[in-house]
Amino acid sequence: MSKLSLFTLSSTFLLNSISFSQDVPITLKDYNLLGSVKSHITTTTVYGVKPEDNFTKKSSQSFNEPGFLIESTYEMGHGVKGASFKFVYNEKNQIIEITDITYDKPFVSLTNLYDASGYITEQTKYNSDGKLDKHFTFIYNDKMEVVLKELRTDPVKNPEKITAKYSYRYNAQSKVFEIVEDWINYKNTSKFSYNAKGKVSEEYYSTTKADADDSETYSQSKTYNEEGWLIGIIYKDKVGKILKQESFVYDHLERLTHHNQLNASGKVVGYTHYSEFDEIADNWTKSATYDSKKMTSSEVRELTYY
């Protein structure tokens, strides 16, 4: 079965359960990959109005044998170099260091510290000159669930000044149902509801500014088939008016074949078609994306396996 991926399709819709994930490494499943994949190269061709407007971009990822990402590189097209990173793990397969290798002078961009039980306690981000940029600390409840994350954006000159606080609330199944990101001038709130199988069924997001009486709000509801695969998303504004929709279609081999974009009334205005799959693990190898009139991009994936 070819499952959907958080990174290959959308930024949020695949979160079947919400949990704190600062220390969770990127794995094969996050790239919609099945089997013991060693490397993964995606070449995307973007089609412009004229043939001379077309351009190609590329991303490549490599994984260790347990399936954790160890290097990721992006080429944005038009001669623009994208971001490239290397990941280092401890014996528990938790990220302890990320090195930015985008430019000629690599530098450590992030480090994580864990306690003896494997819980993250600190996270530090660095600038390209090696100076501290941001520092996060983590506070747990008696169930060892992160309930508070504190951000300091000037950890050298003002180490005690907290720039933002992220608070987390959990249900009885230890799934996050509320995240509040509290900054000085605004507050972001995310809320989640789950179905009987523990998958996210409703998501609610709002931003409230300190100098405004109103808030920017939207929500999305998700539906699944009997096997638990995502088949639909409906996006709504703060009064419940439908803004747009998405649908997902699987074939008889349980592979995702179509990811459709729909308008508020349910008319398909664009889609991605996954047309070819490899024989080793049923990972898709070719796809094409269309708007209402033409193909806008195509992708080819090359995979190697352990």
Protein backbone atom coordinates (compact mmCIF):
# COMPACT_ATOMS: atom_id res chain seq x y z
CA MET A 1 0.00 0.00 0.00
CA SER A 2 1.31 3.45 -0.89
CA LYS A 3 0.43 5.73 2.01
CA LEU A 4 0.24 9.50 1.88
CA SER A 5 3.13 11.60 3.11
CA LEU A 6 3.30 14.69 5.22
CA PHE A 7 6.13 16.07 3.12
CA THR A 8 5.14 15.05 -0.38
CA LEU A 9 1.57 16.30 -0.39
CA SER A 10 0.55 18.72 2.32
CA SER A 11 1.85 20.29 5.45
CA THR A 12 -0.87 19.15 7.82
CA PHE A 13 -3.51 16.82 6.47
CA LEU A 14 -1.67 13.58 7.17
CA LEU A 15 -1.33 14.02 10.90
CA ASN A 16 -3.46 11.06 11.95
CA SER A 17 -2.45 11.79 15.52
CA ILE A 18 -0.83 14.95 16.82
CA SER A 19 2.13 14.59 19.16
CA PHE A 20 5.11 16.67 20.16
CA SER A 21 7.83 15.86 17.64
CA GLN A 22 10.86 18.15 18.07
CA ASP A 23 13.06 15.11 18.70
CA VAL A 24 11.41 12.77 16.18
CA PRO A 25 13.70 12.10 13.19
CA ILE A 26 12.48 12.15 9.64
CA THR A 27 11.84 8.62 8.44
CA LEU A 28 10.94 6.79 5.23
CA LYS A 29 7.22 7.07 5.86
CA ASP A 30 7.46 10.86 5.94
CA TYR A 31 8.54 10.67 2.30
CA ASN A 32 5.77 8.26 1.32
CA LEU A 33 8.29 5.43 0.99
CA LEU A 34 7.79 1.74 1.68
CA GLY A 35 10.40 -0.97 2.08
CA SER A 36 14.11 -0.62 2.91
CA VAL A 37 14.86 2.44 0.79
CA LYS A 38 18.51 3.55 0.72
CA SER A 39 18.22 6.62 -1.50
CA HIS A 40 15.45 8.61 -3.09
CA ILE A 41 15.80 11.19 -5.88
CA THR A 42 12.83 13.19 -7.14
CA THR A 43 13.11 15.23 -10.34
CA THR A 44 10.31 17.75 -10.85
CA THR A 45 9.64 19.52 -14.13
CA VAL A 46 7.53 22.67 -13.81
CA TYR A 47 5.76 23.78 -16.99
CA GLY A 48 5.38 27.48 -17.76
CA VAL A 49 3.15 29.26 -20.23
CA LYS A 50 5.83 28.88 -22.91
CA PRO A 51 8.31 26.00 -23.36
CA GLU A 52 11.18 28.34 -22.56
CA ASP A 53 9.58 29.00 -19.17
CA ASN A 54 9.86 25.34 -18.14
CA PHE A 55 12.41 24.47 -15.47
CA THR A 56 13.54 21.44 -13.48
CA LYS A 57 14.27 21.08 -9.78
CA LYS A 58 15.56 18.11 -7.86
CA SER A 59 15.58 16.74 -4.33
CA SER A 60 17.51 13.77 -3.00
CA GLN A 61 17.44 11.97 0.33
CA SER A 62 19.46 9.11 1.72
CA PHE A 63 18.55 6.91 4.67
CA ASN A 64 20.38 4.58 7.01
CA GLU A 65 19.36 0.93 7.21
CA PRO A 66 16.87 1.46 10.09
CA GLY A 67 15.12 3.98 7.84
CA PHE A 68 16.16 7.36 9.28
CA LEU A 69 17.11 10.32 7.10
CA ILE A 70 20.86 10.99 7.08
CA GLU A 71 21.20 13.51 4.25
CA SER A 72 18.83 15.72 2.29
CA THR A 73 19.58 18.02 -0.65
CA TYR A 74 17.41 20.34 -2.74
CA GLU A 75 18.07 22.06 -6.06
CA MET A 76 15.47 24.74 -6.76
CA GLY A 77 16.00 25.16 -10.50
CA HIS A 78 17.09 28.22 -12.50
CA GLY A 79 20.57 27.71 -11.08
CA VAL A 80 19.36 28.34 -7.54
CA LYS A 81 20.89 26.03 -4.95
CA GLY A 82 18.49 24.79 -2.32
CA ALA A 83 19.10 23.73 1.26
CA SER A 84 21.21 20.67 2.08
CA PHE A 85 21.54 19.01 5.49
CA LYS A 86 23.15 16.05 7.24
CA PHE A 87 21.60 14.39 10.30
CA VAL A 88 23.39 12.70 13.19
CA TYR A 89 21.61 10.35 15.62
CA ASN A 90 22.32 8.83 19.01
CA GLU A 91 21.97 5.14 19.84
CA LYS A 92 18.21 5.63 20.34
CA ASN A 93 17.84 7.04 16.82
CA GLN A 94 17.14 10.54 18.11
CA ILE A 95 18.56 13.54 16.27
CA ILE A 96 21.47 15.05 18.18
CA GLU A 97 22.90 17.28 15.46
CA ILE A 98 21.99 18.75 12.08
CA THR A 99 24.72 20.16 9.85
CA ASP A 100 23.92 22.66 7.11
CA ILE A 101 25.97 21.72 4.06
CA THR A 102 24.24 24.08 1.62
CA TYR A 103 27.25 26.29 1.03
CA ASP A 104 31.03 25.87 0.88
CA LYS A 105 31.42 26.24 4.63
CA PRO A 106 29.30 23.65 6.47
CA PHE A 107 28.12 24.52 9.96
CA VAL A 108 26.15 22.87 12.75
CA SER A 109 22.70 24.46 12.56
CA LEU A 110 20.94 22.56 15.36
CA THR A 111 21.75 20.43 18.41
CA ASN A 112 19.45 18.50 20.73
CA LEU A 113 20.16 17.44 24.32
CA TYR A 114 18.36 14.54 26.05
CA ASP A 115 18.18 13.32 29.62
CA ALA A 116 19.18 9.81 30.74
CA SER A 117 15.68 8.51 29.91
CA GLY A 118 15.79 9.85 26.35
CA TYR A 119 13.55 12.90 26.75
CA ILE A 120 14.61 16.06 24.96
CA THR A 121 15.53 18.86 27.37
CA GLU A 122 17.15 21.51 25.19
CA GLN A 123 17.35 22.45 21.54
CA THR A 124 19.75 25.07 20.19
CA LYS A 125 19.86 26.62 16.72
CA TYR A 126 22.93 28.35 15.32
CA ASN A 127 23.72 30.91 12.63
CA SER A 128 26.20 30.21 9.84
CA ASP A 129 28.91 31.99 11.85
CA GLY A 130 28.47 29.53 14.71
CA LYS A 131 26.73 31.98 17.03
CA LEU A 132 23.66 31.01 19.02
CA ASP A 133 20.42 31.99 17.28
CA LYS A 134 17.57 30.36 19.20
CA HIS A 135 17.31 28.22 22.30
CA PHE A 136 14.38 26.02 23.37
CA THR A 137 13.81 24.37 26.74
CA PHE A 138 11.18 21.72 27.51
CA ILE A 139 9.02 21.10 30.57
CA TYR A 140 7.16 17.81 31.16
CA ASN A 141 4.21 16.67 33.26
CA ASP A 142 4.21 13.55 35.44
CA LYS A 143 3.33 11.45 32.37
CA MET A 144 6.48 12.75 30.65
CA GLU A 145 4.44 14.63 28.06
CA VAL A 146 5.82 18.00 26.97
CA VAL A 147 3.49 20.63 28.41
CA LEU A 148 5.62 23.72 27.84
CA LYS A 149 8.31 24.72 25.38
CA GLU A 150 10.05 28.04 25.95
CA LEU A 151 11.86 29.97 23.20
CA ARG A 152 14.68 32.43 23.76
CA THR A 153 15.75 34.36 20.65
CA ASP A 154 18.61 36.26 22.30
CA PRO A 155 20.20 33.51 24.40
CA VAL A 156 23.60 35.24 24.64
CA LYS A 157 22.73 38.80 25.69
CA ASN A 158 19.38 38.06 27.36
CA PRO A 159 19.43 34.41 28.42
CA GLU A 160 16.50 34.86 30.83
CA LYS A 161 14.21 36.65 28.38
CA ILE A 162 11.53 34.32 27.02
CA THR A 163 10.36 35.33 23.55
CA ALA A 164 7.56 32.80 23.14
CA LYS A 165 5.89 29.97 25.01
CA TYR A 166 4.35 26.88 23.43
CA SER A 167 1.89 25.06 25.67
CA TYR A 168 0.46 21.58 25.01
CA ARG A 169 -2.64 19.86 26.39
CA TYR A 170 -3.37 16.13 26.03
CA ASN A 171 -6.39 13.87 26.16
CA ALA A 172 -6.63 10.59 28.09
CA GLN A 173 -4.92 8.76 25.21
CA SER A 174 -1.92 11.14 25.41
CA LYS A 175 -2.83 12.78 22.12
CA VAL A 176 -2.44 16.55 21.89
CA PHE A 177 -5.78 18.33 21.62
CA GLU A 178 -4.53 21.90 22.01
CA ILE A 179 -1.34 23.80 21.22
CA VAL A 180 -1.01 27.49 22.12
CA GLU A 181 1.90 29.48 20.71
CA ASP A 182 2.08 32.66 22.80
CA TRP A 183 4.19 35.53 21.46
CA ILE A 184 4.32 39.12 22.64
CA ASN A 185 2.07 40.59 19.96
CA TYR A 186 -0.03 37.63 18.91
CA LYS A 187 -1.17 34.15 19.88
CA ASN A 188 -1.64 31.07 17.66
CA THR A 189 -4.03 28.38 18.85
CA SER A 190 -4.43 24.91 17.31
CA LYS A 191 -7.07 22.40 18.45
CA PHE A 192 -7.55 18.78 17.39
CA SER A 193 -10.38 16.25 17.66
CA TYR A 194 -9.97 12.51 17.03
CA ASN A 195 -12.22 9.75 15.75
CA ALA A 196 -12.71 6.36 17.40
CA LYS A 197 -9.59 4.99 15.70
CA GLY A 198 -7.41 7.80 17.04
CA LYS A 199 -7.07 9.69 13.76
CA VAL A 200 -7.52 13.45 13.56
CA SER A 201 -11.06 14.26 12.43
CA GLU A 202 -11.17 18.01 13.05
CA GLU A 203 -8.48 20.70 13.17
CA TYR A 204 -8.98 24.29 14.22
CA TYR A 205 -6.48 27.14 13.86
CA SER A 206 -6.67 30.77 14.95
CA THR A 207 -4.35 33.75 15.25
CA THR A 208 -5.21 36.55 17.66
CA LYS A 209 -3.23 39.80 17.54
CA ALA A 210 -2.76 41.91 20.66
CA ASP A 211 -4.08 45.07 18.97
CA ALA A 212 -7.10 43.45 17.32
CA ASP A 213 -10.49 42.40 18.65
CA ASP A 214 -11.02 39.78 15.98
CA SER A 215 -8.99 36.68 15.08
CA GLU A 216 -7.98 34.94 11.86
CA THR A 217 -9.59 31.52 12.05
CA TYR A 218 -10.06 28.48 9.85
CA SER A 219 -10.75 24.78 10.35
CA GLN A 220 -10.57 21.53 8.44
CA SER A 221 -12.42 18.25 8.79
CA LYS A 222 -11.08 14.89 7.60
CA THR A 223 -12.77 11.66 6.56
CA TYR A 224 -11.29 8.17 6.23
CA ASN A 225 -12.36 4.92 4.62
CA GLU A 226 -12.88 1.68 6.57
CA GLU A 227 -9.18 0.82 6.30
CA GLY A 228 -8.29 4.15 7.92
CA TRP A 229 -6.88 5.90 4.85
CA LEU A 230 -7.56 9.56 4.36
CA ILE A 231 -10.14 10.13 1.61
CA GLY A 232 -11.29 13.72 2.11
CA ILE A 233 -10.57 17.12 3.66
CA ILE A 234 -12.93 20.08 3.88
CA TYR A 235 -11.54 23.53 4.71
CA LYS A 236 -13.82 26.11 6.33
CA ASP A 237 -13.62 29.72 7.48
CA LYS A 238 -14.51 30.89 10.98
CA VAL A 239 -18.28 30.92 10.29
CA GLY A 240 -18.24 27.41 8.80
CA LYS A 241 -18.33 28.40 5.13
CA ILE A 242 -16.53 25.88 2.91
CA LEU A 243 -13.44 27.37 1.27
CA LYS A 244 -12.05 24.37 -0.65
CA GLN A 245 -11.78 20.59 -0.51
CA GLU A 246 -9.40 17.72 -1.23
CA SER A 247 -10.07 14.07 -2.04
CA PHE A 248 -7.86 10.98 -2.30
CA VAL A 249 -8.45 7.92 -4.48
CA TYR A 250 -6.83 4.47 -4.11
CA ASP A 251 -6.70 1.56 -6.55
CA HIS A 252 -7.51 -2.12 -5.91
CA LEU A 253 -3.93 -2.65 -4.70
CA GLU A 254 -4.44 0.00 -2.01
CA ARG A 255 -2.15 2.51 -3.72
CA LEU A 256 -2.87 6.21 -3.82
CA THR A 257 -3.50 7.10 -7.48
CA HIS A 258 -5.20 10.51 -7.38
CA HIS A 259 -4.97 13.51 -5.05
CA ASN A 260 -7.71 15.93 -6.14
CA GLN A 261 -8.12 19.64 -5.44
CA LEU A 262 -11.76 20.76 -5.35
CA ASN A 263 -13.46 24.14 -5.02
CA ALA A 264 -16.07 24.95 -2.39
CA SER A 265 -18.88 23.34 -4.40
CA GLY A 266 -16.95 20.10 -4.95
CA LYS A 267 -15.79 20.63 -8.54
CA VAL A 268 -12.31 19.28 -9.34
CA VAL A 269 -10.03 22.21 -10.24
CA GLY A 270 -6.75 20.31 -10.17
CA TYR A 271 -5.25 16.95 -9.34
CA THR A 272 -2.10 14.86 -9.05
CA HIS A 273 -2.07 11.45 -10.73
CA TYR A 274 0.38 8.80 -9.47
CA SER A 275 0.70 6.64 -12.55
CA GLU A 276 3.63 4.24 -12.12
CA PHE A 277 4.93 2.16 -9.21
CA ASP A 278 8.06 0.07 -8.72
CA GLU A 279 7.99 -3.71 -8.29
CA ILE A 280 10.11 -3.88 -5.15
CA ALA A 281 7.91 -2.08 -2.64
CA ASP A 282 5.06 -0.48 -4.65
CA ASN A 283 6.48 3.03 -4.24
CA TRP A 284 5.23 5.44 -6.89
CA THR A 285 7.83 6.44 -9.47
CA LYS A 286 5.92 8.80 -11.76
CA SER A 287 3.30 11.46 -11.18
CA ALA A 288 1.81 14.47 -12.96
CA THR A 289 -0.08 17.46 -11.60
CA TYR A 290 -2.80 19.29 -13.54
CA ASP A 291 -4.87 22.39 -13.08
CA SER A 292 -8.26 22.74 -14.78
CA LYS A 293 -6.64 23.27 -18.19
CA LYS A 294 -3.20 21.69 -18.47
CA MET A 295 -0.37 19.78 -16.83
CA THR A 296 1.56 22.10 -14.51
CA SER A 297 4.32 19.76 -13.34
CA SER A 298 5.54 16.16 -13.49
CA GLU A 299 7.72 14.13 -11.14
CA VAL A 300 9.96 11.11 -11.54
CA ARG A 301 11.36 9.23 -8.54
CA GLU A 302 14.45 7.05 -8.59
CA LEU A 303 14.91 4.69 -5.66
CA THR A 304 17.60 2.32 -4.44
CA TYR A 305 17.13 -0.28 -1.71
CA TYR A 306 19.21 -2.07 0.92
